[in-house]
Amino acid sequence: MKDKEKAVSAKYPVKPITVIVPYTAGGSTDIMVRAMEKTAIKYMDQPLIITNIPGGGGNIGWNELAGANPDGYTLGAVGTGTILQTLYGQTRYHYVTALDPIVQVADFPIVVAVRADQPWQNIGELIEFAKVHPGEIKFGHSGVGLAVHITGEMFAKEADISIVPVPFRGDSEGIAALLGGHIQLLFGTAGIKEHITSGNVRVLAVASEKRSTIPELKDVPTLKEQGINVTFSIWQGIAAPKTLPTDVKIQLAEIFKKTVNDPEFKNLAEEMGMSVDYIGPQEFSEKWINEYTRLEKVLKETGIVDQIAEQKK
């Protein structure tokens, strides 16, 4: 039986591969996968077929993926939210163990931004002000429990300052509030690029492990460089149902490595505000487990789990 399975998978892929996107068409995840679709065809004989299955904050699509046949012909887009959904409550599958990570594609750096006319030129100056004026700084983010909110709470805890979280329905609302002076600080994504270029916004730090490759952010220091041990980014990748045959995983990883490192894909990703960051199956699997363990602790320490529970009442 094993010899027969090897013979079949050696011809892989012999038909189109479905990729589930657990969000509506037109969002960043959908655009990323469609960019991969256009590029991957250079490196394999079969096309990727994108299927949008939105709903439940991604749960409906991830449930479909976790329950699919692990033969390599159903894959799905995953990200930071895949781990967070598992931590925030009951899901049909425990995604961290029910899915098989294949490749991390890219990440969106989380930025710490202020309006350009604010006096703070770096994180140290902001922290100094916050210590003298506790509770006076309001920080915006795009939703309770999302990565940007978590980063803001981690920052406040690490810096030992009191700043007030203000949730918005997406980055655009938060940016408008920052520009309007309704909040003084924003934890957001590279969607803020145009406001950096126009000179309306100053980015004091990125929360990534290393500096961003996005041109507008490449000179911005990380929080760690400025003495604040906080790292977080919104990563995205591709996973399969658990028990995917090893040889199929190896072939997929090789195809996606070429796809992600293709200049055409890299250029499109950077235009979207993503930093291309290829990670293969083994390292990506280790990252899943490490992120789950780290976030489980962080969410309890910052009280975000309690905020989510209160929100569900």
C-alpha atoms as a PDB file:
ATOM      1  CA  MET A   1       0.000   0.000   0.000  1.00  0.00           C
ATOM      2  CA  LYS A   2       2.803   2.384   0.890  1.00  0.00           C
ATOM      3  CA  ASP A   3       4.536   1.682  -2.444  1.00  0.00           C
ATOM      4  CA  LYS A   4       1.285   2.444  -4.275  1.00  0.00           C
ATOM      5  CA  GLU A   5       0.869   5.745  -2.362  1.00  0.00           C
ATOM      6  CA  LYS A   6       4.436   6.726  -3.247  1.00  0.00           C
ATOM      7  CA  ALA A   7       3.840   5.942  -6.924  1.00  0.00           C
ATOM      8  CA  VAL A   8       0.718   8.096  -7.001  1.00  0.00           C
ATOM      9  CA  SER A   9       2.229  11.034  -5.126  1.00  0.00           C
ATOM     10  CA  ALA A  10       5.409  10.923  -7.257  1.00  0.00           C
ATOM     11  CA  LYS A  11       3.305  12.244 -10.168  1.00  0.00           C
ATOM     12  CA  TYR A  12       1.947  15.042  -8.020  1.00  0.00           C
ATOM     13  CA  PRO A  13       0.217  17.239  -8.967  1.00  0.00           C
ATOM     14  CA  VAL A  14      -1.917  15.529 -11.634  1.00  0.00           C
ATOM     15  CA  LYS A  15      -4.912  17.878 -11.267  1.00  0.00           C
ATOM     16  CA  PRO A  16      -5.600  21.464 -10.149  1.00  0.00           C
ATOM     17  CA  ILE A  17      -4.962  22.310  -6.481  1.00  0.00           C
ATOM     18  CA  THR A  18      -7.730  24.106  -4.583  1.00  0.00           C
ATOM     19  CA  VAL A  19      -6.588  26.836  -2.198  1.00  0.00           C
ATOM     20  CA  ILE A  20      -9.174  27.932   0.371  1.00  0.00           C
ATOM     21  CA  VAL A  21      -9.121  31.612   1.299  1.00  0.00           C
ATOM     22  CA  PRO A  22     -11.173  32.000   4.509  1.00  0.00           C
ATOM     23  CA  TYR A  23     -12.070  35.613   3.740  1.00  0.00           C
ATOM     24  CA  THR A  24     -13.932  37.530   1.050  1.00  0.00           C
ATOM     25  CA  ALA A  25     -12.316  38.388  -2.280  1.00  0.00           C
ATOM     26  CA  GLY A  26     -10.268  41.577  -2.435  1.00  0.00           C
ATOM     27  CA  GLY A  27      -8.686  41.487   1.033  1.00  0.00           C
ATOM     28  CA  SER A  28      -4.963  41.205   1.689  1.00  0.00           C
ATOM     29  CA  THR A  29      -5.031  37.408   2.128  1.00  0.00           C
ATOM     30  CA  ASP A  30      -7.020  36.938  -1.074  1.00  0.00           C
ATOM     31  CA  ILE A  31      -4.697  39.229  -3.032  1.00  0.00           C
ATOM     32  CA  MET A  32      -1.633  37.409  -1.688  1.00  0.00           C
ATOM     33  CA  VAL A  33      -2.959  33.981  -2.755  1.00  0.00           C
ATOM     34  CA  ARG A  34      -3.990  35.260  -6.189  1.00  0.00           C
ATOM     35  CA  ALA A  35      -0.491  36.651  -6.653  1.00  0.00           C
ATOM     36  CA  MET A  36       0.854  33.194  -5.794  1.00  0.00           C
ATOM     37  CA  GLU A  37      -1.593  31.646  -8.271  1.00  0.00           C
ATOM     38  CA  LYS A  38      -0.189  33.752 -11.114  1.00  0.00           C
ATOM     39  CA  THR A  39       3.416  32.957 -10.226  1.00  0.00           C
ATOM     40  CA  ALA A  40       3.190  29.288  -9.173  1.00  0.00           C
ATOM     41  CA  ILE A  41       2.071  28.168 -12.642  1.00  0.00           C
ATOM     42  CA  LYS A  42       5.667  28.785 -13.773  1.00  0.00           C
ATOM     43  CA  TYR A  43       6.840  26.026 -11.450  1.00  0.00           C
ATOM     44  CA  MET A  44       4.219  23.284 -11.795  1.00  0.00           C
ATOM     45  CA  ASP A  45       2.005  21.771 -14.484  1.00  0.00           C
ATOM     46  CA  GLN A  46      -1.312  22.324 -12.703  1.00  0.00           C
ATOM     47  CA  PRO A  47      -3.039  25.580 -11.688  1.00  0.00           C
ATOM     48  CA  LEU A  48      -4.070  26.780  -8.243  1.00  0.00           C
ATOM     49  CA  ILE A  49      -7.852  27.255  -7.997  1.00  0.00           C
ATOM     50  CA  ILE A  50      -8.825  29.900  -5.432  1.00  0.00           C
ATOM     51  CA  THR A  51     -12.004  29.282  -3.424  1.00  0.00           C
ATOM     52  CA  ASN A  52     -13.239  31.982  -1.036  1.00  0.00           C
ATOM     53  CA  ILE A  53     -15.065  30.564   2.018  1.00  0.00           C
ATOM     54  CA  PRO A  54     -15.541  33.536   4.362  1.00  0.00           C
ATOM     55  CA  GLY A  55     -17.234  33.718   7.749  1.00  0.00           C
ATOM     56  CA  GLY A  56     -16.629  33.247  11.444  1.00  0.00           C
ATOM     57  CA  GLY A  57     -13.431  35.288  11.431  1.00  0.00           C
ATOM     58  CA  GLY A  58     -11.842  32.636   9.202  1.00  0.00           C
ATOM     59  CA  ASN A  59     -13.206  29.628  11.107  1.00  0.00           C
ATOM     60  CA  ILE A  60     -15.544  28.397   8.365  1.00  0.00           C
ATOM     61  CA  GLY A  61     -12.764  28.210   5.788  1.00  0.00           C
ATOM     62  CA  TRP A  62     -10.261  26.698   8.224  1.00  0.00           C
ATOM     63  CA  ASN A  63     -12.816  24.077   9.303  1.00  0.00           C
ATOM     64  CA  GLU A  64     -13.262  23.143   5.647  1.00  0.00           C
ATOM     65  CA  LEU A  65      -9.488  22.873   5.246  1.00  0.00           C
ATOM     66  CA  ALA A  66      -8.950  20.826   8.419  1.00  0.00           C
ATOM     67  CA  GLY A  67     -11.658  18.341   7.352  1.00  0.00           C
ATOM     68  CA  ALA A  68     -10.440  17.940   3.766  1.00  0.00           C
ATOM     69  CA  ASN A  69      -8.660  14.917   2.285  1.00  0.00           C
ATOM     70  CA  PRO A  70      -4.925  15.288   3.113  1.00  0.00           C
ATOM     71  CA  ASP A  71      -3.835  14.372  -0.423  1.00  0.00           C
ATOM     72  CA  GLY A  72      -2.260  17.692  -1.380  1.00  0.00           C
ATOM     73  CA  TYR A  73      -5.152  18.856  -3.558  1.00  0.00           C
ATOM     74  CA  THR A  74      -6.794  21.051  -0.917  1.00  0.00           C
ATOM     75  CA  LEU A  75      -4.664  23.739   0.706  1.00  0.00           C
ATOM     76  CA  GLY A  76      -5.589  26.915   2.531  1.00  0.00           C
ATOM     77  CA  ALA A  77      -4.361  30.365   3.475  1.00  0.00           C
ATOM     78  CA  VAL A  78      -3.490  30.726   7.155  1.00  0.00           C
ATOM     79  CA  GLY A  79      -2.141  33.499   9.312  1.00  0.00           C
ATOM     80  CA  THR A  80      -1.760  34.943  12.785  1.00  0.00           C
ATOM     81  CA  GLY A  81      -5.551  34.818  13.159  1.00  0.00           C
ATOM     82  CA  THR A  82      -5.530  31.028  12.780  1.00  0.00           C
ATOM     83  CA  ILE A  83      -3.706  30.722  16.094  1.00  0.00           C
ATOM     84  CA  LEU A  84      -5.680  33.508  17.779  1.00  0.00           C
ATOM     85  CA  GLN A  85      -9.053  31.962  16.905  1.00  0.00           C
ATOM     86  CA  THR A  86      -7.976  28.757  18.637  1.00  0.00           C
ATOM     87  CA  LEU A  87      -6.994  30.704  21.751  1.00  0.00           C
ATOM     88  CA  TYR A  88     -10.157  32.799  21.948  1.00  0.00           C
ATOM     89  CA  GLY A  89     -12.753  30.064  22.264  1.00  0.00           C
ATOM     90  CA  GLN A  90     -14.281  26.855  21.008  1.00  0.00           C
ATOM     91  CA  THR A  91     -13.548  25.963  17.392  1.00  0.00           C
ATOM     92  CA  ARG A  92     -14.470  22.736  15.633  1.00  0.00           C
ATOM     93  CA  TYR A  93     -10.783  21.916  15.160  1.00  0.00           C
ATOM     94  CA  HIS A  94      -7.711  22.897  17.137  1.00  0.00           C
ATOM     95  CA  TYR A  95      -6.052  24.483  14.107  1.00  0.00           C
ATOM     96  CA  VAL A  96      -2.524  24.452  15.519  1.00  0.00           C
ATOM     97  CA  THR A  97      -2.587  20.632  15.568  1.00  0.00           C
ATOM     98  CA  ALA A  98      -5.224  19.927  12.865  1.00  0.00           C
ATOM     99  CA  LEU A  99      -3.335  21.707  10.083  1.00  0.00           C
ATOM    100  CA  ASP A 100       0.060  21.063   8.530  1.00  0.00           C
ATOM    101  CA  PRO A 101       2.034  24.280   7.846  1.00  0.00           C
ATOM    102  CA  ILE A 102       3.704  24.228   4.417  1.00  0.00           C
ATOM    103  CA  VAL A 103       5.172  27.676   3.883  1.00  0.00           C
ATOM    104  CA  GLN A 104       5.161  31.103   5.457  1.00  0.00           C
ATOM    105  CA  VAL A 105       4.901  33.552   2.584  1.00  0.00           C
ATOM    106  CA  ALA A 106       5.162  37.023   4.041  1.00  0.00           C
ATOM    107  CA  ASP A 107       4.381  39.261   6.950  1.00  0.00           C
ATOM    108  CA  PHE A 108       2.875  42.683   7.475  1.00  0.00           C
ATOM    109  CA  PRO A 109       4.985  44.728   9.874  1.00  0.00           C
ATOM    110  CA  ILE A 110       3.070  46.343  12.734  1.00  0.00           C
ATOM    111  CA  VAL A 111       3.960  50.009  13.006  1.00  0.00           C
ATOM    112  CA  VAL A 112       3.876  52.392  15.973  1.00  0.00           C
ATOM    113  CA  ALA A 113       2.818  55.736  14.502  1.00  0.00           C
ATOM    114  CA  VAL A 114       2.045  59.280  15.652  1.00  0.00           C
ATOM    115  CA  ARG A 115       0.912  62.396  13.838  1.00  0.00           C
ATOM    116  CA  ALA A 116       3.921  64.224  12.400  1.00  0.00           C
ATOM    117  CA  ASP A 117       3.318  67.365  14.477  1.00  0.00           C
ATOM    118  CA  GLN A 118       3.645  65.470  17.761  1.00  0.00           C
ATOM    119  CA  PRO A 119       6.882  66.250  19.635  1.00  0.00           C
ATOM    120  CA  TRP A 120       8.015  62.628  20.066  1.00  0.00           C
ATOM    121  CA  GLN A 121      10.837  61.679  17.722  1.00  0.00           C
ATOM    122  CA  ASN A 122      11.417  58.167  19.055  1.00  0.00           C
ATOM    123  CA  ILE A 123       9.948  55.566  21.382  1.00  0.00           C
ATOM    124  CA  GLY A 124      12.020  56.735  24.347  1.00  0.00           C
ATOM    125  CA  GLU A 125      10.523  60.240  24.202  1.00  0.00           C
ATOM    126  CA  LEU A 126       6.996  58.818  23.929  1.00  0.00           C
ATOM    127  CA  ILE A 127       7.524  56.577  26.950  1.00  0.00           C
ATOM    128  CA  GLU A 128       8.995  59.443  28.962  1.00  0.00           C
ATOM    129  CA  PHE A 129       5.888  61.558  28.270  1.00  0.00           C
ATOM    130  CA  ALA A 130       3.538  58.659  29.097  1.00  0.00           C
ATOM    131  CA  LYS A 131       5.221  58.089  32.460  1.00  0.00           C
ATOM    132  CA  VAL A 132       4.714  61.731  33.422  1.00  0.00           C
ATOM    133  CA  HIS A 133       1.163  61.830  31.978  1.00  0.00           C
ATOM    134  CA  PRO A 134      -0.376  58.399  32.719  1.00  0.00           C
ATOM    135  CA  GLY A 135      -3.594  57.695  30.829  1.00  0.00           C
ATOM    136  CA  GLU A 136      -3.352  60.786  28.623  1.00  0.00           C
ATOM    137  CA  ILE A 137      -2.194  58.933  25.511  1.00  0.00           C
ATOM    138  CA  LYS A 138      -4.906  57.034  23.631  1.00  0.00           C
ATOM    139  CA  PHE A 139      -3.724  54.341  21.239  1.00  0.00           C
ATOM    140  CA  GLY A 140      -5.840  53.182  18.328  1.00  0.00           C
ATOM    141  CA  HIS A 141      -6.016  49.702  16.852  1.00  0.00           C
ATOM    142  CA  SER A 142      -8.260  47.856  14.406  1.00  0.00           C
ATOM    143  CA  GLY A 143     -10.106  45.551  16.803  1.00  0.00           C
ATOM    144  CA  VAL A 144     -10.065  43.919  20.225  1.00  0.00           C
ATOM    145  CA  GLY A 145      -7.925  40.791  20.193  1.00  0.00           C
ATOM    146  CA  LEU A 146      -6.307  41.422  16.812  1.00  0.00           C
ATOM    147  CA  ALA A 147      -2.531  41.426  16.419  1.00  0.00           C
ATOM    148  CA  VAL A 148      -2.273  45.234  16.484  1.00  0.00           C
ATOM    149  CA  HIS A 149      -4.213  45.405  19.764  1.00  0.00           C
ATOM    150  CA  ILE A 150      -2.059  42.680  21.299  1.00  0.00           C
ATOM    151  CA  THR A 151       1.093  44.555  20.257  1.00  0.00           C
ATOM    152  CA  GLY A 152      -0.140  47.775  21.866  1.00  0.00           C
ATOM    153  CA  GLU A 153      -0.909  46.000  25.139  1.00  0.00           C
ATOM    154  CA  MET A 154       2.449  44.197  25.084  1.00  0.00           C
ATOM    155  CA  PHE A 155       4.196  47.523  24.487  1.00  0.00           C
ATOM    156  CA  ALA A 156       2.410  49.214  27.402  1.00  0.00           C
ATOM    157  CA  LYS A 157       3.232  46.333  29.733  1.00  0.00           C
ATOM    158  CA  GLU A 158       6.891  46.115  28.700  1.00  0.00           C
ATOM    159  CA  ALA A 159       7.380  49.903  28.917  1.00  0.00           C
ATOM    160  CA  ASP A 160       5.449  50.024  32.215  1.00  0.00           C
ATOM    161  CA  ILE A 161       3.172  52.856  31.050  1.00  0.00           C
ATOM    162  CA  SER A 162      -0.563  53.504  31.146  1.00  0.00           C
ATOM    163  CA  ILE A 163      -2.040  54.193  27.687  1.00  0.00           C
ATOM    164  CA  VAL A 164      -5.708  53.849  26.760  1.00  0.00           C
ATOM    165  CA  PRO A 165      -6.747  51.419  23.987  1.00  0.00           C
ATOM    166  CA  VAL A 166      -9.352  52.642  21.472  1.00  0.00           C
ATOM    167  CA  PRO A 167     -10.688  50.017  19.020  1.00  0.00           C
ATOM    168  CA  PHE A 168     -11.757  50.914  15.468  1.00  0.00           C
ATOM    169  CA  ARG A 169     -13.331  48.955  12.620  1.00  0.00           C
ATOM    170  CA  GLY A 170     -10.209  48.652  10.524  1.00  0.00           C
ATOM    171  CA  ASP A 171      -6.988  50.547   9.876  1.00  0.00           C
ATOM    172  CA  SER A 172      -8.635  53.317   7.844  1.00  0.00           C
ATOM    173  CA  GLU A 173     -10.786  54.439  10.794  1.00  0.00           C
ATOM    174  CA  GLY A 174      -7.790  54.405  13.099  1.00  0.00           C
ATOM    175  CA  ILE A 175      -5.690  56.458  10.675  1.00  0.00           C
ATOM    176  CA  ALA A 176      -8.497  59.013  10.345  1.00  0.00           C
ATOM    177  CA  ALA A 177      -8.717  59.288  14.135  1.00  0.00           C
ATOM    178  CA  LEU A 178      -4.958  59.771  14.395  1.00  0.00           C
ATOM    179  CA  LEU A 179      -4.911  62.477  11.728  1.00  0.00           C
ATOM    180  CA  GLY A 180      -7.920  64.135  13.374  1.00  0.00           C
ATOM    181  CA  GLY A 181      -6.188  64.265  16.757  1.00  0.00           C
ATOM    182  CA  HIS A 182      -8.732  61.974  18.472  1.00  0.00           C
ATOM    183  CA  ILE A 183      -5.954  59.546  19.416  1.00  0.00           C
ATOM    184  CA  GLN A 184      -2.248  60.239  19.863  1.00  0.00           C
ATOM    185  CA  LEU A 185      -0.799  56.857  18.925  1.00  0.00           C
ATOM    186  CA  LEU A 186      -1.678  54.147  16.419  1.00  0.00           C
ATOM    187  CA  PHE A 187      -0.652  50.509  16.230  1.00  0.00           C
ATOM    188  CA  GLY A 188      -1.370  49.671  12.606  1.00  0.00           C
ATOM    189  CA  THR A 189       0.005  48.119   9.443  1.00  0.00           C
ATOM    190  CA  ALA A 190       1.830  49.370   6.380  1.00  0.00           C
ATOM    191  CA  GLY A 191      -1.510  50.606   5.012  1.00  0.00           C
ATOM    192  CA  ILE A 192      -0.327  53.853   6.544  1.00  0.00           C
ATOM    193  CA  LYS A 193       2.402  54.169   3.849  1.00  0.00           C
ATOM    194  CA  GLU A 194       0.789  57.003   1.875  1.00  0.00           C
ATOM    195  CA  HIS A 195       0.539  59.135   5.019  1.00  0.00           C
ATOM    196  CA  ILE A 196       4.229  58.557   5.733  1.00  0.00           C
ATOM    197  CA  THR A 197       5.088  59.680   2.203  1.00  0.00           C
ATOM    198  CA  SER A 198       2.863  62.770   2.493  1.00  0.00           C
ATOM    199  CA  GLY A 199       4.569  63.742   5.747  1.00  0.00           C
ATOM    200  CA  ASN A 200       1.402  63.596   7.864  1.00  0.00           C
ATOM    201  CA  VAL A 201       2.517  60.619   9.965  1.00  0.00           C
ATOM    202  CA  ARG A 202       5.757  59.692  11.698  1.00  0.00           C
ATOM    203  CA  VAL A 203       6.507  56.031  12.414  1.00  0.00           C
ATOM    204  CA  LEU A 204       8.486  55.678  15.638  1.00  0.00           C
ATOM    205  CA  ALA A 205       9.059  51.922  15.438  1.00  0.00           C
ATOM    206  CA  VAL A 206       8.156  48.625  13.833  1.00  0.00           C
ATOM    207  CA  ALA A 207       7.344  45.654  16.058  1.00  0.00           C
ATOM    208  CA  SER A 208       9.058  43.104  13.811  1.00  0.00           C
ATOM    209  CA  GLU A 209      12.099  41.062  14.794  1.00  0.00           C
ATOM    210  CA  LYS A 210      14.117  42.901  12.150  1.00  0.00           C
ATOM    211  CA  ARG A 211      13.704  46.090  10.124  1.00  0.00           C
ATOM    212  CA  SER A 212      11.164  46.071   7.306  1.00  0.00           C
ATOM    213  CA  THR A 213      12.157  45.735   3.656  1.00  0.00           C
ATOM    214  CA  ILE A 214       9.289  48.029   2.618  1.00  0.00           C
ATOM    215  CA  PRO A 215      10.937  51.210   1.242  1.00  0.00           C
ATOM    216  CA  GLU A 216       8.887  53.612   3.383  1.00  0.00           C
ATOM    217  CA  LEU A 217       9.838  51.717   6.548  1.00  0.00           C
ATOM    218  CA  LYS A 218      13.372  50.480   5.903  1.00  0.00           C
ATOM    219  CA  ASP A 219      14.979  53.208   8.047  1.00  0.00           C
ATOM    220  CA  VAL A 220      12.555  52.820  10.968  1.00  0.00           C
ATOM    221  CA  PRO A 221      14.129  51.067  13.986  1.00  0.00           C
ATOM    222  CA  THR A 222      12.457  48.124  15.685  1.00  0.00           C
ATOM    223  CA  LEU A 223      11.075  48.322  19.212  1.00  0.00           C
ATOM    224  CA  LYS A 224      13.861  45.961  20.310  1.00  0.00           C
ATOM    225  CA  GLU A 225      16.489  48.323  18.931  1.00  0.00           C
ATOM    226  CA  GLN A 226      14.996  51.006  21.168  1.00  0.00           C
ATOM    227  CA  GLY A 227      15.112  48.881  24.295  1.00  0.00           C
ATOM    228  CA  ILE A 228      11.553  47.496  24.266  1.00  0.00           C
ATOM    229  CA  ASN A 229      11.523  43.697  24.048  1.00  0.00           C
ATOM    230  CA  VAL A 230       8.303  43.360  22.029  1.00  0.00           C
ATOM    231  CA  THR A 231       8.089  41.572  18.679  1.00  0.00           C
ATOM    232  CA  PHE A 232       4.987  40.763  16.666  1.00  0.00           C
ATOM    233  CA  SER A 233       3.972  40.825  13.021  1.00  0.00           C
ATOM    234  CA  ILE A 234       0.969  39.690  10.991  1.00  0.00           C
ATOM    235  CA  TRP A 235       2.287  36.701   9.063  1.00  0.00           C
ATOM    236  CA  GLN A 236       0.557  34.767   6.300  1.00  0.00           C
ATOM    237  CA  GLY A 237       1.178  31.399   4.734  1.00  0.00           C
ATOM    238  CA  ILE A 238      -0.199  28.176   3.281  1.00  0.00           C
ATOM    239  CA  ALA A 239      -1.185  25.010   5.160  1.00  0.00           C
ATOM    240  CA  ALA A 240      -2.712  21.613   4.418  1.00  0.00           C
ATOM    241  CA  PRO A 241      -4.856  19.175   6.395  1.00  0.00           C
ATOM    242  CA  LYS A 242      -2.836  17.096   8.864  1.00  0.00           C
ATOM    243  CA  THR A 243      -1.148  13.840   7.709  1.00  0.00           C
ATOM    244  CA  LEU A 244      -0.172  15.186   4.295  1.00  0.00           C
ATOM    245  CA  PRO A 245       2.256  12.652   2.745  1.00  0.00           C
ATOM    246  CA  THR A 246       5.861  13.684   3.329  1.00  0.00           C
ATOM    247  CA  ASP A 247       6.887  13.510  -0.332  1.00  0.00           C
ATOM    248  CA  VAL A 248       3.933  15.700  -1.355  1.00  0.00           C
ATOM    249  CA  LYS A 249       4.874  18.224   1.330  1.00  0.00           C
ATOM    250  CA  ILE A 250       8.448  18.305   0.008  1.00  0.00           C
ATOM    251  CA  GLN A 251       7.244  18.937  -3.551  1.00  0.00           C
ATOM    252  CA  LEU A 252       4.828  21.654  -2.427  1.00  0.00           C
ATOM    253  CA  ALA A 253       7.503  23.335  -0.330  1.00  0.00           C
ATOM    254  CA  GLU A 254       9.873  23.430  -3.307  1.00  0.00           C
ATOM    255  CA  ILE A 255       7.190  24.841  -5.633  1.00  0.00           C
ATOM    256  CA  PHE A 256       6.208  27.530  -3.117  1.00  0.00           C
ATOM    257  CA  LYS A 257       9.822  28.401  -2.316  1.00  0.00           C
ATOM    258  CA  LYS A 258      10.375  29.244  -5.979  1.00  0.00           C
ATOM    259  CA  THR A 259       7.031  31.062  -6.138  1.00  0.00           C
ATOM    260  CA  VAL A 260       7.609  33.229  -3.072  1.00  0.00           C
ATOM    261  CA  ASN A 261      11.155  34.133  -4.095  1.00  0.00           C
ATOM    262  CA  ASP A 262      10.127  35.012  -7.659  1.00  0.00           C
ATOM    263  CA  PRO A 263      10.823  38.748  -8.323  1.00  0.00           C
ATOM    264  CA  GLU A 264       7.346  39.187  -9.810  1.00  0.00           C
ATOM    265  CA  PHE A 265       5.711  37.972  -6.608  1.00  0.00           C
ATOM    266  CA  LYS A 266       8.082  39.956  -4.372  1.00  0.00           C
ATOM    267  CA  ASN A 267       7.329  43.207  -6.189  1.00  0.00           C
ATOM    268  CA  LEU A 268       3.582  42.714  -5.874  1.00  0.00           C
ATOM    269  CA  ALA A 269       3.879  41.803  -2.193  1.00  0.00           C
ATOM    270  CA  GLU A 270       5.850  44.948  -1.379  1.00  0.00           C
ATOM    271  CA  GLU A 271       3.314  47.084  -3.222  1.00  0.00           C
ATOM    272  CA  MET A 272       0.705  45.611  -0.842  1.00  0.00           C
ATOM    273  CA  GLY A 273       2.788  46.529   2.219  1.00  0.00           C
ATOM    274  CA  MET A 274       4.019  42.978   2.886  1.00  0.00           C
ATOM    275  CA  SER A 275       7.576  41.905   3.557  1.00  0.00           C
ATOM    276  CA  VAL A 276       8.247  38.627   1.761  1.00  0.00           C
ATOM    277  CA  ASP A 277       9.622  36.198   4.332  1.00  0.00           C
ATOM    278  CA  TYR A 278       9.835  32.587   3.129  1.00  0.00           C
ATOM    279  CA  ILE A 279       9.929  29.918   5.833  1.00  0.00           C
ATOM    280  CA  GLY A 280       9.829  26.216   4.952  1.00  0.00           C
ATOM    281  CA  PRO A 281       7.704  23.435   6.527  1.00  0.00           C
ATOM    282  CA  GLN A 282       9.874  22.476   9.506  1.00  0.00           C
ATOM    283  CA  GLU A 283      10.672  26.004  10.662  1.00  0.00           C
ATOM    284  CA  PHE A 284       7.103  27.141   9.980  1.00  0.00           C
ATOM    285  CA  SER A 285       5.729  24.247  12.087  1.00  0.00           C
ATOM    286  CA  GLU A 286       8.049  25.199  14.937  1.00  0.00           C
ATOM    287  CA  LYS A 287       6.906  28.810  14.643  1.00  0.00           C
ATOM    288  CA  TRP A 288       3.237  27.750  14.954  1.00  0.00           C
ATOM    289  CA  ILE A 289       3.892  25.931  18.220  1.00  0.00           C
ATOM    290  CA  ASN A 290       6.119  28.672  19.627  1.00  0.00           C
ATOM    291  CA  GLU A 291       3.637  31.428  18.691  1.00  0.00           C
ATOM    292  CA  TYR A 292       0.769  29.492  20.247  1.00  0.00           C
ATOM    293  CA  THR A 293       2.654  29.042  23.511  1.00  0.00           C
ATOM    294  CA  ARG A 294       3.824  32.660  23.588  1.00  0.00           C
ATOM    295  CA  LEU A 295       0.429  34.150  22.737  1.00  0.00           C
ATOM    296  CA  GLU A 296      -1.390  31.976  25.248  1.00  0.00           C
ATOM    297  CA  LYS A 297       0.773  33.543  27.960  1.00  0.00           C
ATOM    298  CA  VAL A 298       0.598  37.090  26.558  1.00  0.00           C
ATOM    299  CA  LEU A 299      -3.201  37.083  26.237  1.00  0.00           C
ATOM    300  CA  LYS A 300      -3.590  36.086  29.871  1.00  0.00           C
ATOM    301  CA  GLU A 301      -1.012  38.576  31.165  1.00  0.00           C
ATOM    302  CA  THR A 302      -2.498  41.525  29.256  1.00  0.00           C
ATOM    303  CA  GLY A 303      -6.097  40.652  30.114  1.00  0.00           C
ATOM    304  CA  ILE A 304      -7.123  40.393  26.449  1.00  0.00           C
ATOM    305  CA  VAL A 305      -8.725  36.972  26.997  1.00  0.00           C
ATOM    306  CA  ASP A 306     -11.025  38.582  29.573  1.00  0.00           C
ATOM    307  CA  GLN A 307     -11.809  41.432  27.155  1.00  0.00           C
ATOM    308  CA  ILE A 308     -12.780  38.927  24.456  1.00  0.00           C
ATOM    309  CA  ALA A 309     -14.984  36.991  26.898  1.00  0.00           C
ATOM    310  CA  GLU A 310     -16.693  40.227  27.946  1.00  0.00           C
ATOM    311  CA  GLN A 311     -17.255  41.169  24.321  1.00  0.00           C
ATOM    312  CA  LYS A 312     -19.014  37.829  23.653  1.00  0.00           C
ATOM    313  CA  LYS A 313     -21.566  38.321  26.453  1.00  0.00           C
END
